[in-house]
Amino acid sequence: MAAETGITSELSVAELREQLAETLNEVRYTKARRLVTKHGRKVAAVVSVEDLRLLETLEDIVDVRKARERLATLDAEGTVSWETLQKELELHKDVQGKTSPRGGKGTRKASKNRPGKRR
């Protein structure tokens, strides 16, 4: 079951069960990529550790690029302080220090004479 480096071929879940050791060795030593199918649909891939590391590195590069773009947007558009945002959204802190909307549910305390609903 030798494959050329980087060639992707498919095998079913049943075939993978039968040929797991061979498939792992093929992927490890030839750098082949194997697509796993279940009922004819591609559900997973078996790739070498090197390919996985490359994929993770590429994902990191994309994440860093997106973060830099977002930081540039923040620099260009500016930010708003937490205090300003609280005022704009009419938020306040209750006795326990939790932030909640003014006049929203849970801001009124139950009276001793009138029991509140238990949740």
N, C-alpha and C. Protein backbone atom coordinates (compact mmCIF):
# COMPACT_ATOMS: atom_id res chain seq x y z
N MET A 1 0.83 -1.19 0.00
CA MET A 1 0.00 0.00 0.00
C MET A 1 0.87 1.25 0.00
N ALA A 2 1.93 1.26 -0.72
CA ALA A 2 2.84 2.40 -0.77
C ALA A 2 2.20 3.54 -1.55
N ALA A 3 2.47 4.74 -1.09
CA ALA A 3 1.95 5.93 -1.75
C ALA A 3 3.08 6.93 -1.89
N GLU A 4 2.93 7.79 -2.89
CA GLU A 4 3.94 8.82 -3.09
C GLU A 4 3.75 9.93 -2.07
N THR A 5 4.81 10.65 -1.79
CA THR A 5 4.76 11.72 -0.82
C THR A 5 3.69 12.73 -1.17
N GLY A 6 2.84 13.05 -0.17
CA GLY A 6 1.83 14.08 -0.35
C GLY A 6 0.59 13.65 -1.09
N ILE A 7 0.54 12.44 -1.62
CA ILE A 7 -0.64 11.97 -2.35
C ILE A 7 -1.75 11.68 -1.36
N THR A 8 -2.96 12.14 -1.66
CA THR A 8 -4.10 11.90 -0.80
C THR A 8 -4.97 10.82 -1.43
N SER A 9 -5.28 9.81 -0.63
CA SER A 9 -6.19 8.77 -1.10
C SER A 9 -7.23 8.53 -0.02
N GLU A 10 -8.32 7.89 -0.42
CA GLU A 10 -9.43 7.66 0.50
C GLU A 10 -9.50 6.22 0.96
N LEU A 11 -10.00 6.03 2.17
CA LEU A 11 -10.35 4.71 2.65
C LEU A 11 -11.52 4.85 3.61
N SER A 12 -12.33 3.82 3.68
CA SER A 12 -13.51 3.87 4.54
C SER A 12 -13.10 3.61 5.99
N VAL A 13 -14.02 3.91 6.90
CA VAL A 13 -13.77 3.64 8.31
C VAL A 13 -13.49 2.15 8.51
N ALA A 14 -14.27 1.30 7.83
CA ALA A 14 -14.06 -0.15 7.94
C ALA A 14 -12.66 -0.53 7.45
N GLU A 15 -12.23 0.04 6.33
CA GLU A 15 -10.89 -0.25 5.82
C GLU A 15 -9.82 0.25 6.79
N LEU A 16 -10.06 1.41 7.37
CA LEU A 16 -9.10 1.96 8.33
C LEU A 16 -8.96 1.03 9.53
N ARG A 17 -10.08 0.51 10.02
CA ARG A 17 -10.02 -0.44 11.14
C ARG A 17 -9.15 -1.65 10.79
N GLU A 18 -9.34 -2.16 9.60
CA GLU A 18 -8.60 -3.36 9.17
C GLU A 18 -7.13 -3.06 8.91
N GLN A 19 -6.84 -1.83 8.47
CA GLN A 19 -5.49 -1.49 8.02
C GLN A 19 -4.86 -0.37 8.84
N LEU A 20 -5.24 -0.24 10.10
CA LEU A 20 -4.79 0.90 10.89
C LEU A 20 -3.27 0.98 10.98
N ALA A 21 -2.62 -0.10 11.36
CA ALA A 21 -1.15 -0.08 11.50
C ALA A 21 -0.48 0.25 10.18
N GLU A 22 -0.95 -0.36 9.10
CA GLU A 22 -0.36 -0.08 7.78
C GLU A 22 -0.58 1.38 7.39
N THR A 23 -1.78 1.88 7.64
CA THR A 23 -2.10 3.26 7.27
C THR A 23 -1.23 4.23 8.06
N LEU A 24 -1.08 3.99 9.36
CA LEU A 24 -0.25 4.88 10.18
C LEU A 24 1.20 4.86 9.72
N ASN A 25 1.71 3.70 9.40
CA ASN A 25 3.09 3.62 8.90
C ASN A 25 3.23 4.32 7.56
N GLU A 26 2.25 4.12 6.68
CA GLU A 26 2.28 4.78 5.37
C GLU A 26 2.33 6.30 5.54
N VAL A 27 1.47 6.81 6.39
CA VAL A 27 1.41 8.26 6.61
C VAL A 27 2.70 8.75 7.26
N ARG A 28 3.18 7.99 8.20
CA ARG A 28 4.39 8.41 8.92
C ARG A 28 5.62 8.44 8.03
N TYR A 29 5.81 7.39 7.25
CA TYR A 29 7.06 7.27 6.51
C TYR A 29 7.02 7.85 5.10
N THR A 30 5.86 7.88 4.47
CA THR A 30 5.79 8.40 3.09
C THR A 30 5.19 9.79 3.03
N LYS A 31 4.67 10.27 4.18
CA LYS A 31 4.01 11.58 4.26
C LYS A 31 2.73 11.63 3.43
N ALA A 32 2.17 10.46 3.11
CA ALA A 32 0.89 10.40 2.40
C ALA A 32 -0.20 10.95 3.31
N ARG A 33 -1.28 11.37 2.71
CA ARG A 33 -2.45 11.84 3.46
C ARG A 33 -3.61 10.93 3.09
N ARG A 34 -4.33 10.46 4.08
CA ARG A 34 -5.43 9.54 3.83
C ARG A 34 -6.73 10.17 4.31
N LEU A 35 -7.70 10.27 3.42
CA LEU A 35 -9.04 10.75 3.77
C LEU A 35 -9.87 9.56 4.22
N VAL A 36 -10.57 9.71 5.31
CA VAL A 36 -11.41 8.64 5.85
C VAL A 36 -12.86 8.97 5.52
N THR A 37 -13.56 7.99 4.95
CA THR A 37 -14.96 8.19 4.58
C THR A 37 -15.87 7.29 5.41
N LYS A 38 -17.07 7.79 5.62
CA LYS A 38 -18.10 7.00 6.30
C LYS A 38 -19.37 7.17 5.49
N HIS A 39 -19.87 6.07 5.00
CA HIS A 39 -21.05 6.09 4.11
C HIS A 39 -20.81 7.01 2.91
N GLY A 40 -19.58 6.99 2.41
CA GLY A 40 -19.25 7.77 1.22
C GLY A 40 -18.93 9.23 1.47
N ARG A 41 -19.06 9.69 2.71
CA ARG A 41 -18.78 11.10 3.02
C ARG A 41 -17.44 11.23 3.73
N LYS A 42 -16.68 12.22 3.36
CA LYS A 42 -15.38 12.47 4.00
C LYS A 42 -15.62 12.97 5.43
N VAL A 43 -15.04 12.26 6.40
CA VAL A 43 -15.28 12.62 7.80
C VAL A 43 -14.01 12.95 8.57
N ALA A 44 -12.86 12.52 8.08
CA ALA A 44 -11.61 12.78 8.80
C ALA A 44 -10.43 12.59 7.86
N ALA A 45 -9.26 12.92 8.37
CA ALA A 45 -8.04 12.71 7.61
C ALA A 45 -6.96 12.19 8.54
N VAL A 46 -6.11 11.35 7.99
CA VAL A 46 -4.94 10.87 8.72
C VAL A 46 -3.74 11.52 8.02
N VAL A 47 -3.03 12.34 8.79
CA VAL A 47 -1.88 13.06 8.23
C VAL A 47 -0.68 12.87 9.15
N SER A 48 0.48 13.15 8.63
CA SER A 48 1.70 13.03 9.44
C SER A 48 1.73 14.13 10.48
N VAL A 49 2.54 13.91 11.50
CA VAL A 49 2.72 14.92 12.54
C VAL A 49 3.29 16.19 11.93
N GLU A 50 4.17 16.04 10.94
CA GLU A 50 4.76 17.21 10.28
C GLU A 50 3.67 18.04 9.59
N ASP A 51 2.74 17.35 8.92
CA ASP A 51 1.64 18.07 8.27
C ASP A 51 0.76 18.78 9.30
N LEU A 52 0.51 18.12 10.41
CA LEU A 52 -0.29 18.73 11.48
C LEU A 52 0.40 19.97 12.02
N ARG A 53 1.69 19.87 12.26
CA ARG A 53 2.44 21.04 12.76
C ARG A 53 2.41 22.18 11.74
N LEU A 54 2.53 21.85 10.46
CA LEU A 54 2.46 22.88 9.43
C LEU A 54 1.09 23.54 9.42
N LEU A 55 0.05 22.74 9.53
CA LEU A 55 -1.31 23.29 9.57
C LEU A 55 -1.48 24.22 10.78
N GLU A 56 -0.99 23.79 11.93
CA GLU A 56 -1.09 24.63 13.14
C GLU A 56 -0.30 25.92 12.99
N THR A 57 0.87 25.86 12.35
CA THR A 57 1.67 27.06 12.11
C THR A 57 0.93 28.02 11.19
N LEU A 58 0.32 27.48 10.13
CA LEU A 58 -0.45 28.32 9.21
C LEU A 58 -1.63 28.97 9.92
N GLU A 59 -2.30 28.21 10.78
CA GLU A 59 -3.41 28.77 11.55
C GLU A 59 -2.93 29.90 12.45
N ASP A 60 -1.77 29.71 13.09
CA ASP A 60 -1.19 30.76 13.94
C ASP A 60 -0.89 32.02 13.13
N ILE A 61 -0.35 31.84 11.94
CA ILE A 61 -0.03 32.99 11.08
C ILE A 61 -1.31 33.76 10.74
N VAL A 62 -2.36 33.04 10.38
CA VAL A 62 -3.65 33.67 10.06
C VAL A 62 -4.20 34.39 11.29
N ASP A 63 -4.13 33.75 12.47
CA ASP A 63 -4.62 34.38 13.70
C ASP A 63 -3.87 35.66 14.02
N VAL A 64 -2.55 35.64 13.87
CA VAL A 64 -1.75 36.84 14.15
C VAL A 64 -2.10 37.94 13.17
N ARG A 65 -2.27 37.58 11.89
CA ARG A 65 -2.63 38.58 10.88
C ARG A 65 -3.98 39.23 11.22
N LYS A 66 -4.96 38.41 11.60
CA LYS A 66 -6.28 38.95 11.97
C LYS A 66 -6.18 39.84 13.20
N ALA A 67 -5.39 39.44 14.19
CA ALA A 67 -5.23 40.24 15.40
C ALA A 67 -4.60 41.59 15.07
N ARG A 68 -3.59 41.59 14.21
CA ARG A 68 -2.96 42.86 13.82
C ARG A 68 -3.93 43.77 13.09
N GLU A 69 -4.76 43.18 12.22
CA GLU A 69 -5.76 43.97 11.51
C GLU A 69 -6.75 44.60 12.49
N ARG A 70 -7.18 43.82 13.48
CA ARG A 70 -8.14 44.33 14.46
C ARG A 70 -7.52 45.41 15.34
N LEU A 71 -6.25 45.22 15.71
CA LEU A 71 -5.57 46.25 16.49
C LEU A 71 -5.42 47.53 15.68
N ALA A 72 -5.14 47.41 14.39
CA ALA A 72 -5.04 48.59 13.53
C ALA A 72 -6.38 49.31 13.46
N THR A 73 -7.46 48.53 13.40
CA THR A 73 -8.80 49.13 13.39
C THR A 73 -9.06 49.88 14.69
N LEU A 74 -8.67 49.28 15.82
CA LEU A 74 -8.84 49.95 17.11
C LEU A 74 -8.03 51.24 17.16
N ASP A 75 -6.81 51.21 16.65
CA ASP A 75 -5.97 52.41 16.64
C ASP A 75 -6.62 53.50 15.79
N ALA A 76 -7.20 53.10 14.66
CA ALA A 76 -7.80 54.08 13.75
C ALA A 76 -9.12 54.63 14.30
N GLU A 77 -9.94 53.75 14.87
CA GLU A 77 -11.27 54.17 15.31
C GLU A 77 -11.32 54.57 16.78
N GLY A 78 -10.34 54.16 17.54
CA GLY A 78 -10.32 54.48 18.96
C GLY A 78 -11.16 53.51 19.78
N THR A 79 -11.12 53.71 21.08
CA THR A 79 -11.87 52.85 21.99
C THR A 79 -12.72 53.70 22.91
N VAL A 80 -13.57 53.05 23.68
CA VAL A 80 -14.44 53.72 24.63
C VAL A 80 -14.13 53.14 26.00
N SER A 81 -14.07 53.99 27.02
CA SER A 81 -13.79 53.50 28.36
C SER A 81 -14.98 52.70 28.89
N TRP A 82 -14.71 51.83 29.86
CA TRP A 82 -15.77 51.03 30.48
C TRP A 82 -16.81 51.93 31.14
N GLU A 83 -16.37 52.99 31.78
CA GLU A 83 -17.29 53.90 32.44
C GLU A 83 -18.23 54.57 31.43
N THR A 84 -17.69 54.99 30.29
CA THR A 84 -18.51 55.60 29.24
C THR A 84 -19.51 54.59 28.70
N LEU A 85 -19.07 53.38 28.47
CA LEU A 85 -19.96 52.34 27.97
C LEU A 85 -21.07 52.04 28.96
N GLN A 86 -20.74 52.00 30.25
CA GLN A 86 -21.77 51.77 31.27
C GLN A 86 -22.83 52.87 31.21
N LYS A 87 -22.40 54.10 31.07
CA LYS A 87 -23.35 55.21 31.01
C LYS A 87 -24.21 55.12 29.75
N GLU A 88 -23.58 54.82 28.60
CA GLU A 88 -24.33 54.73 27.35
C GLU A 88 -25.37 53.61 27.38
N LEU A 89 -25.03 52.50 28.02
CA LEU A 89 -25.94 51.36 28.07
C LEU A 89 -26.81 51.38 29.32
N GLU A 90 -26.65 52.43 30.12
CA GLU A 90 -27.40 52.59 31.36
C GLU A 90 -27.23 51.39 32.27
N LEU A 91 -25.98 51.03 32.49
CA LEU A 91 -25.67 49.93 33.39
C LEU A 91 -25.26 50.50 34.74
N HIS A 92 -25.48 49.74 35.79
CA HIS A 92 -25.01 50.13 37.11
C HIS A 92 -24.62 48.89 37.89
N LYS A 93 -23.89 49.09 38.96
CA LYS A 93 -23.48 47.97 39.80
C LYS A 93 -24.45 47.86 40.96
N ASP A 94 -24.89 46.62 41.23
CA ASP A 94 -25.77 46.42 42.38
C ASP A 94 -24.94 46.28 43.64
N VAL A 95 -25.57 45.98 44.74
CA VAL A 95 -24.91 45.89 46.03
C VAL A 95 -23.77 44.87 46.02
N GLN A 96 -23.94 43.80 45.26
CA GLN A 96 -22.93 42.75 45.21
C GLN A 96 -21.82 43.04 44.20
N GLY A 97 -21.89 44.17 43.52
CA GLY A 97 -20.86 44.54 42.56
C GLY A 97 -21.10 44.01 41.17
N LYS A 98 -22.26 43.37 40.93
CA LYS A 98 -22.59 42.85 39.61
C LYS A 98 -23.16 43.96 38.76
N THR A 99 -22.80 43.98 37.48
CA THR A 99 -23.30 44.99 36.57
C THR A 99 -24.59 44.50 35.94
N SER A 100 -25.60 45.33 35.95
CA SER A 100 -26.88 44.97 35.35
C SER A 100 -27.54 46.21 34.78
N PRO A 101 -28.52 46.03 33.85
CA PRO A 101 -29.21 47.19 33.28
C PRO A 101 -30.04 47.89 34.35
N ARG A 102 -30.14 49.19 34.26
CA ARG A 102 -30.97 49.94 35.21
C ARG A 102 -32.43 49.61 34.95
N GLY A 103 -33.14 49.36 36.02
CA GLY A 103 -34.57 49.09 35.89
C GLY A 103 -34.86 47.71 35.33
N GLY A 104 -33.83 46.91 35.14
CA GLY A 104 -34.03 45.58 34.60
C GLY A 104 -34.48 44.59 35.66
N LYS A 105 -34.72 43.37 35.26
CA LYS A 105 -35.15 42.34 36.19
C LYS A 105 -34.07 42.12 37.25
N GLY A 106 -34.53 41.84 38.45
CA GLY A 106 -33.60 41.51 39.52
C GLY A 106 -33.03 42.71 40.24
N THR A 107 -33.49 43.93 39.89
CA THR A 107 -32.94 45.11 40.56
C THR A 107 -33.78 45.49 41.78
N ARG A 108 -35.01 44.95 41.88
CA ARG A 108 -35.88 45.27 43.00
C ARG A 108 -35.74 44.20 44.06
N LYS A 109 -35.58 44.61 45.32
CA LYS A 109 -35.44 43.66 46.41
C LYS A 109 -36.81 43.23 46.89
N ALA A 110 -36.93 41.96 47.29
CA ALA A 110 -38.20 41.45 47.80
C ALA A 110 -38.44 42.02 49.19
N SER A 111 -39.69 42.36 49.47
CA SER A 111 -40.08 42.89 50.76
C SER A 111 -40.16 41.76 51.77
N LYS A 112 -39.91 42.08 53.06
CA LYS A 112 -40.00 41.05 54.09
C LYS A 112 -41.44 40.56 54.24
N ASN A 113 -42.40 41.47 54.01
CA ASN A 113 -43.82 41.11 54.14
C ASN A 113 -44.33 40.35 52.94
N ARG A 114 -43.68 40.51 51.81
CA ARG A 114 -44.14 39.87 50.56
C ARG A 114 -43.04 38.98 50.03
N PRO A 115 -43.22 37.66 50.14
CA PRO A 115 -42.16 36.77 49.65
C PRO A 115 -42.02 36.85 48.14
N GLY A 116 -40.78 36.75 47.69
CA GLY A 116 -40.52 36.76 46.25
C GLY A 116 -40.57 35.35 45.69
N LYS A 117 -40.57 35.25 44.40
CA LYS A 117 -40.57 33.93 43.75
C LYS A 117 -39.20 33.30 43.89
N ARG A 118 -39.18 32.03 44.15
CA ARG A 118 -37.92 31.29 44.18
C ARG A 118 -37.63 30.74 42.82
N ARG A 119 -36.38 30.74 42.43
CA ARG A 119 -36.00 30.21 41.13
C ARG A 119 -35.12 29.04 41.29
